[in-house]
């Protein structure tokens, strides 16, 4: 029918519909994360790295996004610590080589965040070594979390064909599995 119901009140009819709902960052689930979103915890390096000029930050993650964004963030910060749950990074080799050769970057392997708190102007990230179970507190000016994204598809996940990762399948012309419905951006 090519109808979209907005806020359960207004119905919009169209010949074609374009879905551009993007993605949402995965959360660590650690206590304090939700409360400190936008108040020291960020999910966007290009948005927020500039606010940490000559400061110290922590990056959570070890895949391509975390490693590549870490390299970008070092344009601004004095020191960056990557906290990664595994004993090696999962990013591509070229990105890893850049990070390993960057003197501003330290990597803490086999660790996961367990809590985030604010103490004065600092963010304290409590991490736990997944092998030894030993915990330690890391103080920094900010935290960037890059542990993957999920597509925003709740409105139509049962109506459109998705790929194996849960993103909308679209062809080279951005057509979805429903005639007249297109998808663009990060949601595909």
N, C-alpha and C. Protein backbone atom coordinates (compact mmCIF):
# COMPACT_ATOMS: atom_id res chain seq x y z
N UNK A 1 0.81 -1.21 0.00
CA UNK A 1 0.00 0.00 0.00
C UNK A 1 0.85 1.26 0.00
N UNK A 2 2.15 1.14 0.31
CA UNK A 2 3.08 2.28 0.38
C UNK A 2 2.57 3.34 1.35
N UNK A 3 2.25 2.90 2.54
CA UNK A 3 1.82 3.81 3.59
C UNK A 3 2.77 3.69 4.77
N UNK A 4 3.06 4.81 5.37
CA UNK A 4 3.87 4.83 6.58
C UNK A 4 3.07 5.57 7.64
N UNK A 5 2.90 4.92 8.79
CA UNK A 5 2.18 5.54 9.90
C UNK A 5 3.22 6.21 10.80
N UNK A 6 3.06 7.52 10.99
CA UNK A 6 3.99 8.31 11.78
C UNK A 6 3.38 8.54 13.16
N UNK A 7 4.12 8.18 14.21
CA UNK A 7 3.68 8.41 15.59
C UNK A 7 2.26 7.94 15.86
N UNK A 8 1.82 6.92 15.19
CA UNK A 8 0.50 6.30 15.37
C UNK A 8 -0.67 7.24 15.06
N UNK A 9 -0.40 8.41 14.52
CA UNK A 9 -1.47 9.37 14.23
C UNK A 9 -1.57 9.70 12.75
N UNK A 10 -0.45 10.05 12.16
CA UNK A 10 -0.45 10.52 10.78
C UNK A 10 -0.03 9.40 9.85
N UNK A 11 -0.78 9.24 8.74
CA UNK A 11 -0.42 8.25 7.73
C UNK A 11 0.05 8.99 6.49
N UNK A 12 1.25 8.64 6.02
CA UNK A 12 1.81 9.25 4.83
C UNK A 12 1.75 8.21 3.71
N UNK A 13 1.22 8.60 2.56
CA UNK A 13 1.16 7.70 1.40
C UNK A 13 2.13 8.20 0.35
N UNK A 14 2.77 7.25 -0.34
CA UNK A 14 3.76 7.64 -1.35
C UNK A 14 3.87 6.56 -2.42
N UNK A 15 4.37 6.95 -3.58
CA UNK A 15 4.62 5.98 -4.65
C UNK A 15 5.88 5.17 -4.33
N UNK A 16 6.83 5.83 -3.69
CA UNK A 16 8.08 5.18 -3.32
C UNK A 16 8.43 5.56 -1.89
N UNK A 17 9.12 4.66 -1.21
CA UNK A 17 9.56 4.91 0.15
C UNK A 17 11.07 4.67 0.20
N UNK A 18 11.79 5.58 0.84
CA UNK A 18 13.23 5.41 1.03
C UNK A 18 13.49 5.23 2.52
N UNK A 19 14.13 4.13 2.86
CA UNK A 19 14.48 3.85 4.25
C UNK A 19 15.93 4.29 4.45
N UNK A 20 16.15 5.19 5.39
CA UNK A 20 17.49 5.69 5.70
C UNK A 20 17.63 5.81 7.22
N UNK A 21 17.37 4.71 7.90
CA UNK A 21 17.32 4.72 9.36
C UNK A 21 18.67 4.51 10.03
N UNK A 22 19.71 4.21 9.26
CA UNK A 22 21.05 4.11 9.81
C UNK A 22 21.28 2.96 10.77
N UNK A 23 22.26 3.16 11.63
CA UNK A 23 22.66 2.14 12.60
C UNK A 23 22.77 2.78 13.98
N UNK A 24 22.84 1.92 14.98
CA UNK A 24 23.03 2.34 16.36
C UNK A 24 24.24 1.59 16.90
N UNK A 25 25.12 2.28 17.64
CA UNK A 25 26.29 1.58 18.18
C UNK A 25 25.89 0.53 19.21
N UNK A 26 26.63 -0.57 19.21
CA UNK A 26 26.45 -1.57 20.26
C UNK A 26 26.96 -0.99 21.57
N UNK A 27 26.33 -1.35 22.66
CA UNK A 27 26.72 -0.88 23.98
C UNK A 27 27.48 -1.98 24.71
N UNK A 28 28.33 -1.58 25.64
CA UNK A 28 29.07 -2.57 26.43
C UNK A 28 28.15 -3.22 27.47
N UNK A 29 27.14 -2.47 27.91
CA UNK A 29 26.26 -2.97 28.96
C UNK A 29 26.82 -2.75 30.35
N UNK A 30 27.99 -2.13 30.45
CA UNK A 30 28.60 -1.89 31.76
C UNK A 30 27.86 -0.77 32.49
N UNK A 31 27.72 -0.88 33.80
CA UNK A 31 27.07 0.17 34.58
C UNK A 31 27.76 1.53 34.33
N UNK A 32 26.94 2.57 34.25
CA UNK A 32 27.45 3.92 34.05
C UNK A 32 27.51 4.35 32.61
N UNK A 33 27.47 3.41 31.67
CA UNK A 33 27.59 3.77 30.25
C UNK A 33 26.44 4.67 29.81
N UNK A 34 25.22 4.26 30.08
CA UNK A 34 24.07 5.06 29.66
C UNK A 34 24.09 6.45 30.28
N UNK A 35 24.43 6.53 31.56
CA UNK A 35 24.44 7.81 32.25
C UNK A 35 25.52 8.76 31.72
N UNK A 36 26.61 8.22 31.20
CA UNK A 36 27.73 9.06 30.75
C UNK A 36 27.79 9.24 29.23
N UNK A 37 26.79 8.71 28.51
CA UNK A 37 26.70 8.96 27.07
C UNK A 37 26.64 10.46 26.82
N UNK A 38 27.53 10.96 26.00
CA UNK A 38 27.54 12.40 25.72
C UNK A 38 28.11 13.24 26.85
N UNK A 39 28.53 12.60 27.91
CA UNK A 39 29.12 13.30 29.06
C UNK A 39 30.48 12.69 29.38
N UNK A 40 31.20 12.32 28.34
CA UNK A 40 32.51 11.69 28.52
C UNK A 40 32.62 10.37 27.78
N UNK A 41 31.49 9.77 27.42
CA UNK A 41 31.51 8.55 26.60
C UNK A 41 30.92 8.90 25.24
N UNK A 42 31.66 8.54 24.20
CA UNK A 42 31.26 8.86 22.83
C UNK A 42 31.34 7.62 21.94
N UNK A 43 30.61 7.68 20.85
CA UNK A 43 30.62 6.59 19.86
C UNK A 43 31.02 7.12 18.48
N UNK A 44 31.52 8.36 18.43
CA UNK A 44 31.83 9.01 17.15
C UNK A 44 33.12 9.83 17.27
N UNK A 45 34.19 9.31 16.67
CA UNK A 45 35.47 10.01 16.73
C UNK A 45 35.45 11.31 15.94
N UNK A 46 34.84 11.30 14.75
CA UNK A 46 34.83 12.52 13.94
C UNK A 46 33.98 13.61 14.59
N UNK A 47 33.03 13.22 15.42
CA UNK A 47 32.19 14.19 16.13
C UNK A 47 32.92 14.78 17.33
N UNK A 48 33.61 13.95 18.10
CA UNK A 48 34.04 14.35 19.43
C UNK A 48 35.55 14.35 19.71
N UNK A 49 36.37 13.79 18.85
CA UNK A 49 37.82 13.71 19.13
C UNK A 49 38.43 15.09 19.34
N UNK A 50 37.95 16.08 18.61
CA UNK A 50 38.51 17.44 18.70
C UNK A 50 38.38 18.04 20.09
N UNK A 51 37.46 17.54 20.90
CA UNK A 51 37.27 18.06 22.25
C UNK A 51 38.31 17.51 23.23
N UNK A 52 39.16 16.61 22.78
CA UNK A 52 40.16 15.99 23.65
C UNK A 52 41.58 16.38 23.25
N UNK A 53 41.72 17.59 22.76
CA UNK A 53 43.03 18.09 22.35
C UNK A 53 44.00 18.08 23.54
N UNK A 54 45.14 17.43 23.35
CA UNK A 54 46.19 17.31 24.38
C UNK A 54 45.71 16.60 25.64
N UNK A 55 44.74 15.70 25.50
CA UNK A 55 44.23 14.96 26.65
C UNK A 55 44.46 13.47 26.46
N UNK A 56 43.88 12.68 27.36
CA UNK A 56 44.05 11.23 27.35
C UNK A 56 42.68 10.56 27.24
N UNK A 57 42.57 9.59 26.32
CA UNK A 57 41.30 8.88 26.14
C UNK A 57 41.52 7.38 26.11
N UNK A 58 40.40 6.68 26.29
CA UNK A 58 40.37 5.22 26.19
C UNK A 58 39.46 4.87 25.03
N UNK A 59 39.85 3.87 24.26
CA UNK A 59 39.02 3.32 23.19
C UNK A 59 38.71 1.88 23.55
N UNK A 60 37.42 1.54 23.51
CA UNK A 60 36.99 0.17 23.77
C UNK A 60 36.75 -0.50 22.43
N UNK A 61 37.43 -1.63 22.18
CA UNK A 61 37.25 -2.37 20.94
C UNK A 61 38.59 -2.70 20.30
N UNK A 62 38.57 -3.61 19.33
CA UNK A 62 39.81 -4.00 18.67
C UNK A 62 39.63 -4.37 17.22
N UNK A 63 38.42 -4.13 16.69
CA UNK A 63 38.16 -4.40 15.28
C UNK A 63 38.55 -3.22 14.41
N UNK A 64 38.16 -3.26 13.14
CA UNK A 64 38.53 -2.20 12.20
C UNK A 64 38.11 -0.82 12.67
N UNK A 65 36.88 -0.68 13.10
CA UNK A 65 36.40 0.65 13.52
C UNK A 65 37.23 1.18 14.68
N UNK A 66 37.41 0.38 15.71
CA UNK A 66 38.16 0.83 16.89
C UNK A 66 39.59 1.22 16.53
N UNK A 67 40.24 0.40 15.74
CA UNK A 67 41.65 0.64 15.41
C UNK A 67 41.80 1.83 14.47
N UNK A 68 40.95 1.90 13.45
CA UNK A 68 41.04 3.03 12.51
C UNK A 68 40.65 4.34 13.19
N UNK A 69 39.63 4.32 14.02
CA UNK A 69 39.23 5.53 14.74
C UNK A 69 40.30 5.94 15.75
N UNK A 70 40.98 4.98 16.35
CA UNK A 70 42.07 5.30 17.28
C UNK A 70 43.16 6.08 16.58
N UNK A 71 43.50 5.63 15.39
CA UNK A 71 44.53 6.34 14.61
C UNK A 71 44.09 7.79 14.36
N UNK A 72 42.83 7.99 14.03
CA UNK A 72 42.31 9.34 13.81
C UNK A 72 42.36 10.16 15.10
N UNK A 73 41.92 9.58 16.20
CA UNK A 73 41.85 10.29 17.47
C UNK A 73 43.23 10.78 17.92
N UNK A 74 44.29 10.05 17.57
CA UNK A 74 45.64 10.46 17.99
C UNK A 74 46.09 11.76 17.33
N UNK A 75 45.36 12.25 16.35
CA UNK A 75 45.66 13.58 15.80
C UNK A 75 45.43 14.66 16.85
N UNK A 76 44.62 14.35 17.84
CA UNK A 76 44.22 15.33 18.84
C UNK A 76 44.81 15.06 20.22
N UNK A 77 44.80 13.81 20.65
CA UNK A 77 45.13 13.48 22.04
C UNK A 77 46.63 13.28 22.26
N UNK A 78 47.04 13.32 23.54
CA UNK A 78 48.42 13.01 23.91
C UNK A 78 48.63 11.51 24.08
N UNK A 79 47.59 10.85 24.61
CA UNK A 79 47.72 9.42 24.93
C UNK A 79 46.38 8.74 24.71
N UNK A 80 46.44 7.53 24.17
CA UNK A 80 45.23 6.74 23.90
C UNK A 80 45.51 5.30 24.31
N UNK A 81 44.59 4.73 25.07
CA UNK A 81 44.70 3.33 25.46
C UNK A 81 43.54 2.56 24.85
N UNK A 82 43.87 1.53 24.08
CA UNK A 82 42.86 0.64 23.52
C UNK A 82 42.65 -0.50 24.50
N UNK A 83 41.40 -0.73 24.87
CA UNK A 83 41.04 -1.86 25.73
C UNK A 83 40.31 -2.87 24.85
N UNK A 84 40.91 -4.07 24.73
CA UNK A 84 40.35 -5.08 23.83
C UNK A 84 40.19 -6.41 24.56
N UNK A 85 39.08 -7.06 24.33
CA UNK A 85 38.75 -8.29 25.06
C UNK A 85 39.57 -9.51 24.66
N UNK A 86 40.20 -9.48 23.51
CA UNK A 86 40.98 -10.63 23.05
C UNK A 86 42.48 -10.40 23.21
N UNK A 87 43.28 -11.44 22.93
CA UNK A 87 44.73 -11.30 23.08
C UNK A 87 45.41 -10.75 21.84
N UNK A 88 44.63 -10.44 20.82
CA UNK A 88 45.16 -9.77 19.63
C UNK A 88 44.04 -8.97 18.98
N UNK A 89 44.42 -7.96 18.22
CA UNK A 89 43.43 -7.13 17.54
C UNK A 89 42.79 -7.92 16.41
N UNK A 90 41.56 -7.58 16.06
CA UNK A 90 40.86 -8.27 14.97
C UNK A 90 40.77 -7.39 13.73
N UNK A 91 41.34 -6.19 13.78
CA UNK A 91 41.33 -5.28 12.63
C UNK A 91 42.24 -5.80 11.53
N UNK A 92 42.11 -5.21 10.33
CA UNK A 92 42.96 -5.61 9.22
C UNK A 92 44.42 -5.27 9.52
N UNK A 93 45.34 -5.96 8.87
CA UNK A 93 46.77 -5.83 9.17
C UNK A 93 47.30 -4.42 8.95
N UNK A 94 46.86 -3.77 7.91
CA UNK A 94 47.35 -2.41 7.64
C UNK A 94 46.98 -1.46 8.78
N UNK A 95 45.76 -1.54 9.26
CA UNK A 95 45.32 -0.70 10.37
C UNK A 95 46.10 -1.05 11.64
N UNK A 96 46.32 -2.34 11.88
CA UNK A 96 47.08 -2.77 13.05
C UNK A 96 48.51 -2.23 13.01
N UNK A 97 49.13 -2.30 11.85
CA UNK A 97 50.51 -1.82 11.72
C UNK A 97 50.62 -0.35 12.10
N UNK A 98 49.64 0.45 11.69
CA UNK A 98 49.65 1.88 12.03
C UNK A 98 49.53 2.09 13.54
N UNK A 99 48.65 1.33 14.17
CA UNK A 99 48.44 1.47 15.60
C UNK A 99 49.67 1.02 16.38
N UNK A 100 50.25 -0.10 16.00
CA UNK A 100 51.42 -0.61 16.72
C UNK A 100 52.62 0.32 16.60
N UNK A 101 52.68 1.09 15.53
CA UNK A 101 53.82 1.99 15.34
C UNK A 101 53.54 3.40 15.87
N UNK A 102 52.37 3.64 16.40
CA UNK A 102 52.01 4.97 16.90
C UNK A 102 52.41 5.08 18.38
N UNK A 103 53.34 5.98 18.69
CA UNK A 103 53.82 6.08 20.09
C UNK A 103 52.78 6.60 21.07
N UNK A 104 51.69 7.16 20.61
CA UNK A 104 50.65 7.67 21.50
C UNK A 104 49.71 6.57 21.98
N UNK A 105 49.79 5.38 21.34
CA UNK A 105 48.81 4.32 21.60
C UNK A 105 49.40 3.20 22.44
N UNK A 106 48.67 2.84 23.50
CA UNK A 106 48.98 1.69 24.33
C UNK A 106 47.79 0.74 24.19
N UNK A 107 48.04 -0.57 24.20
CA UNK A 107 46.95 -1.54 24.06
C UNK A 107 46.91 -2.44 25.29
N UNK A 108 45.73 -2.55 25.85
CA UNK A 108 45.50 -3.42 27.00
C UNK A 108 44.67 -4.60 26.51
N UNK A 109 45.33 -5.73 26.25
CA UNK A 109 44.66 -6.91 25.72
C UNK A 109 43.96 -7.69 26.84
N UNK A 110 43.05 -8.58 26.44
CA UNK A 110 42.36 -9.50 27.36
C UNK A 110 41.57 -8.77 28.44
N UNK A 111 41.08 -7.59 28.15
CA UNK A 111 40.32 -6.82 29.14
C UNK A 111 38.99 -6.36 28.58
N UNK A 112 38.00 -6.29 29.47
CA UNK A 112 36.67 -5.78 29.12
C UNK A 112 36.26 -4.75 30.16
N UNK A 113 35.48 -3.74 29.73
CA UNK A 113 34.99 -2.77 30.71
C UNK A 113 33.91 -3.39 31.59
N UNK A 114 33.97 -3.04 32.87
CA UNK A 114 32.97 -3.54 33.83
C UNK A 114 32.13 -2.42 34.44
N UNK A 115 32.66 -1.17 34.39
CA UNK A 115 31.90 -0.03 34.93
C UNK A 115 32.55 1.26 34.46
N UNK A 116 31.70 2.30 34.35
CA UNK A 116 32.17 3.64 34.04
C UNK A 116 31.63 4.57 35.11
N UNK A 117 32.51 5.39 35.67
CA UNK A 117 32.10 6.38 36.66
C UNK A 117 32.79 7.70 36.34
N UNK A 118 32.27 8.76 36.94
CA UNK A 118 32.88 10.07 36.76
C UNK A 118 33.43 10.52 38.11
N UNK A 119 34.68 10.94 38.09
CA UNK A 119 35.32 11.48 39.29
C UNK A 119 35.90 12.83 38.92
N UNK A 120 35.22 13.89 39.31
CA UNK A 120 35.63 15.23 38.91
C UNK A 120 35.47 15.38 37.40
N UNK A 121 36.53 15.78 36.73
CA UNK A 121 36.51 15.91 35.27
C UNK A 121 36.90 14.62 34.56
N UNK A 122 37.25 13.59 35.28
CA UNK A 122 37.77 12.36 34.70
C UNK A 122 36.68 11.28 34.61
N UNK A 123 36.85 10.43 33.61
CA UNK A 123 36.03 9.23 33.48
C UNK A 123 36.90 8.07 33.98
N UNK A 124 36.38 7.30 34.89
CA UNK A 124 37.10 6.13 35.38
C UNK A 124 36.46 4.89 34.76
N UNK A 125 37.27 4.14 34.04
CA UNK A 125 36.83 2.91 33.41
C UNK A 125 37.40 1.74 34.20
N UNK A 126 36.52 0.98 34.83
CA UNK A 126 36.97 -0.22 35.54
C UNK A 126 36.98 -1.36 34.53
N UNK A 127 38.15 -1.99 34.38
CA UNK A 127 38.28 -3.10 33.43
C UNK A 127 38.64 -4.37 34.19
N UNK A 128 38.28 -5.49 33.55
CA UNK A 128 38.61 -6.79 34.14
C UNK A 128 39.35 -7.63 33.11
N UNK A 129 40.46 -8.21 33.56
CA UNK A 129 41.20 -9.13 32.70
C UNK A 129 40.38 -10.41 32.60
N UNK A 130 40.02 -10.79 31.37
CA UNK A 130 39.12 -11.94 31.18
C UNK A 130 39.78 -13.27 31.52
N UNK A 131 41.12 -13.30 31.61
CA UNK A 131 41.83 -14.54 31.95
C UNK A 131 42.11 -14.63 33.44
N UNK A 132 42.61 -13.55 34.03
CA UNK A 132 43.00 -13.59 35.45
C UNK A 132 41.89 -13.11 36.38
N UNK A 133 40.86 -12.44 35.82
CA UNK A 133 39.75 -11.85 36.58
C UNK A 133 40.19 -10.66 37.44
N UNK A 134 41.46 -10.21 37.29
CA UNK A 134 41.94 -9.05 38.04
C UNK A 134 41.32 -7.79 37.45
N UNK A 135 40.88 -6.89 38.33
CA UNK A 135 40.28 -5.62 37.91
C UNK A 135 41.23 -4.48 38.20
N UNK A 136 41.13 -3.45 37.35
CA UNK A 136 41.89 -2.22 37.59
C UNK A 136 41.07 -1.04 37.08
N UNK A 137 41.39 0.13 37.61
CA UNK A 137 40.69 1.35 37.21
C UNK A 137 41.61 2.21 36.36
N UNK A 138 41.07 2.65 35.22
CA UNK A 138 41.81 3.50 34.31
C UNK A 138 41.14 4.87 34.29
N UNK A 139 41.90 5.90 34.57
CA UNK A 139 41.36 7.26 34.57
C UNK A 139 41.74 7.94 33.25
N UNK A 140 40.77 8.63 32.65
CA UNK A 140 41.02 9.33 31.38
C UNK A 140 40.08 10.52 31.28
N UNK A 141 40.29 11.31 30.24
CA UNK A 141 39.42 12.46 29.99
C UNK A 141 38.16 12.08 29.23
N UNK A 142 38.20 10.94 28.54
CA UNK A 142 37.04 10.50 27.78
C UNK A 142 37.19 9.07 27.31
N UNK A 143 36.07 8.49 26.89
CA UNK A 143 36.04 7.10 26.42
C UNK A 143 35.28 7.07 25.09
N UNK A 144 35.86 6.36 24.13
CA UNK A 144 35.21 6.11 22.84
C UNK A 144 34.93 4.62 22.75
N UNK A 145 33.71 4.26 22.39
CA UNK A 145 33.33 2.84 22.31
C UNK A 145 33.04 2.49 20.86
N UNK A 146 33.80 1.50 20.35
CA UNK A 146 33.64 1.02 18.97
C UNK A 146 33.60 -0.50 18.99
N UNK A 147 32.44 -1.05 19.35
CA UNK A 147 32.31 -2.52 19.43
C UNK A 147 31.22 -3.01 18.49
N UNK A 148 31.08 -2.32 17.38
CA UNK A 148 30.13 -2.74 16.36
C UNK A 148 28.87 -1.91 16.35
N UNK A 149 28.09 -2.13 15.31
CA UNK A 149 26.85 -1.40 15.10
C UNK A 149 25.73 -2.40 14.82
N UNK A 150 24.50 -1.94 15.04
CA UNK A 150 23.36 -2.76 14.64
C UNK A 150 22.44 -1.89 13.79
N UNK A 151 21.89 -2.45 12.72
CA UNK A 151 21.01 -1.66 11.85
C UNK A 151 19.69 -1.35 12.54
N UNK A 152 19.18 -0.16 12.28
CA UNK A 152 17.89 0.26 12.85
C UNK A 152 16.76 -0.23 11.94
N UNK A 153 16.32 -1.45 12.19
CA UNK A 153 15.33 -2.09 11.31
C UNK A 153 14.10 -2.60 12.04
N UNK A 154 13.95 -2.26 13.30
CA UNK A 154 12.84 -2.82 14.08
C UNK A 154 11.47 -2.58 13.45
N UNK A 155 11.30 -1.44 12.78
CA UNK A 155 10.00 -1.12 12.17
C UNK A 155 9.59 -2.08 11.06
N UNK A 156 10.58 -2.68 10.40
CA UNK A 156 10.25 -3.46 9.19
C UNK A 156 11.07 -4.72 9.03
N UNK A 157 11.67 -5.24 10.10
CA UNK A 157 12.55 -6.40 9.96
C UNK A 157 11.84 -7.65 9.46
N UNK A 158 10.55 -7.77 9.71
CA UNK A 158 9.81 -8.95 9.26
C UNK A 158 9.22 -8.76 7.87
N UNK A 159 9.40 -7.60 7.28
CA UNK A 159 8.78 -7.30 5.99
C UNK A 159 9.76 -7.25 4.83
N UNK A 160 11.04 -7.00 5.14
CA UNK A 160 12.06 -6.86 4.10
C UNK A 160 13.08 -7.98 4.19
N UNK A 161 13.69 -8.31 3.07
CA UNK A 161 14.74 -9.31 3.05
C UNK A 161 16.01 -8.69 3.65
N UNK A 162 16.63 -9.43 4.57
CA UNK A 162 17.84 -8.96 5.24
C UNK A 162 19.01 -9.85 4.86
N UNK A 163 20.23 -9.32 5.01
CA UNK A 163 21.41 -10.15 4.77
C UNK A 163 21.74 -10.93 6.04
N UNK A 164 22.79 -11.70 6.01
CA UNK A 164 23.10 -12.57 7.14
C UNK A 164 23.51 -11.81 8.40
N UNK A 165 23.85 -10.52 8.26
CA UNK A 165 24.22 -9.69 9.40
C UNK A 165 23.04 -8.87 9.92
N UNK A 166 21.88 -8.98 9.27
CA UNK A 166 20.70 -8.27 9.73
C UNK A 166 20.48 -6.91 9.10
N UNK A 167 21.26 -6.58 8.07
CA UNK A 167 21.08 -5.33 7.35
C UNK A 167 20.11 -5.56 6.18
N UNK A 168 19.47 -4.49 5.71
CA UNK A 168 18.53 -4.61 4.59
C UNK A 168 19.30 -4.94 3.32
N UNK A 169 18.82 -5.93 2.60
CA UNK A 169 19.40 -6.26 1.30
C UNK A 169 18.89 -5.26 0.26
N UNK A 170 19.82 -4.68 -0.49
CA UNK A 170 19.45 -3.75 -1.56
C UNK A 170 20.36 -4.00 -2.75
N UNK A 171 19.81 -3.82 -3.95
CA UNK A 171 20.64 -4.01 -5.15
C UNK A 171 21.41 -2.72 -5.46
N UNK A 172 22.09 -2.68 -6.60
CA UNK A 172 22.92 -1.52 -6.95
C UNK A 172 22.11 -0.23 -7.13
N UNK A 173 20.80 -0.36 -7.35
CA UNK A 173 19.93 0.82 -7.45
C UNK A 173 19.19 1.10 -6.14
N UNK A 174 19.63 0.42 -5.07
CA UNK A 174 19.08 0.60 -3.72
C UNK A 174 17.66 0.06 -3.56
N UNK A 175 17.21 -0.79 -4.48
CA UNK A 175 15.89 -1.41 -4.37
C UNK A 175 15.93 -2.54 -3.35
N UNK A 176 14.88 -2.61 -2.54
CA UNK A 176 14.77 -3.68 -1.56
C UNK A 176 13.91 -4.80 -2.14
N UNK A 177 13.54 -5.75 -1.30
CA UNK A 177 12.73 -6.87 -1.73
C UNK A 177 11.26 -6.49 -1.96
N UNK A 178 10.87 -5.28 -1.61
CA UNK A 178 9.51 -4.80 -1.86
C UNK A 178 9.56 -3.74 -2.95
N UNK A 179 8.76 -3.93 -4.00
CA UNK A 179 8.72 -2.98 -5.11
C UNK A 179 8.38 -1.57 -4.61
N UNK A 180 9.17 -0.60 -5.03
CA UNK A 180 8.92 0.80 -4.66
C UNK A 180 9.48 1.20 -3.32
N UNK A 181 10.16 0.27 -2.63
CA UNK A 181 10.79 0.59 -1.36
C UNK A 181 12.31 0.48 -1.54
N UNK A 182 13.01 1.58 -1.21
CA UNK A 182 14.45 1.67 -1.38
C UNK A 182 15.09 1.84 0.00
N UNK A 183 16.35 1.47 0.10
CA UNK A 183 17.10 1.66 1.34
C UNK A 183 18.47 2.24 1.00
N UNK A 184 18.93 3.18 1.82
CA UNK A 184 20.22 3.83 1.57
C UNK A 184 20.99 4.00 2.88
N UNK A 185 22.27 4.20 2.76
CA UNK A 185 23.11 4.48 3.93
C UNK A 185 23.51 3.25 4.70
N UNK A 186 23.79 3.45 5.98
CA UNK A 186 24.33 2.40 6.83
C UNK A 186 23.37 1.25 7.11
N UNK A 187 22.09 1.43 6.87
CA UNK A 187 21.11 0.38 7.16
C UNK A 187 21.20 -0.77 6.14
N UNK A 188 21.92 -0.55 5.02
CA UNK A 188 22.06 -1.63 4.01
C UNK A 188 23.43 -2.29 4.13
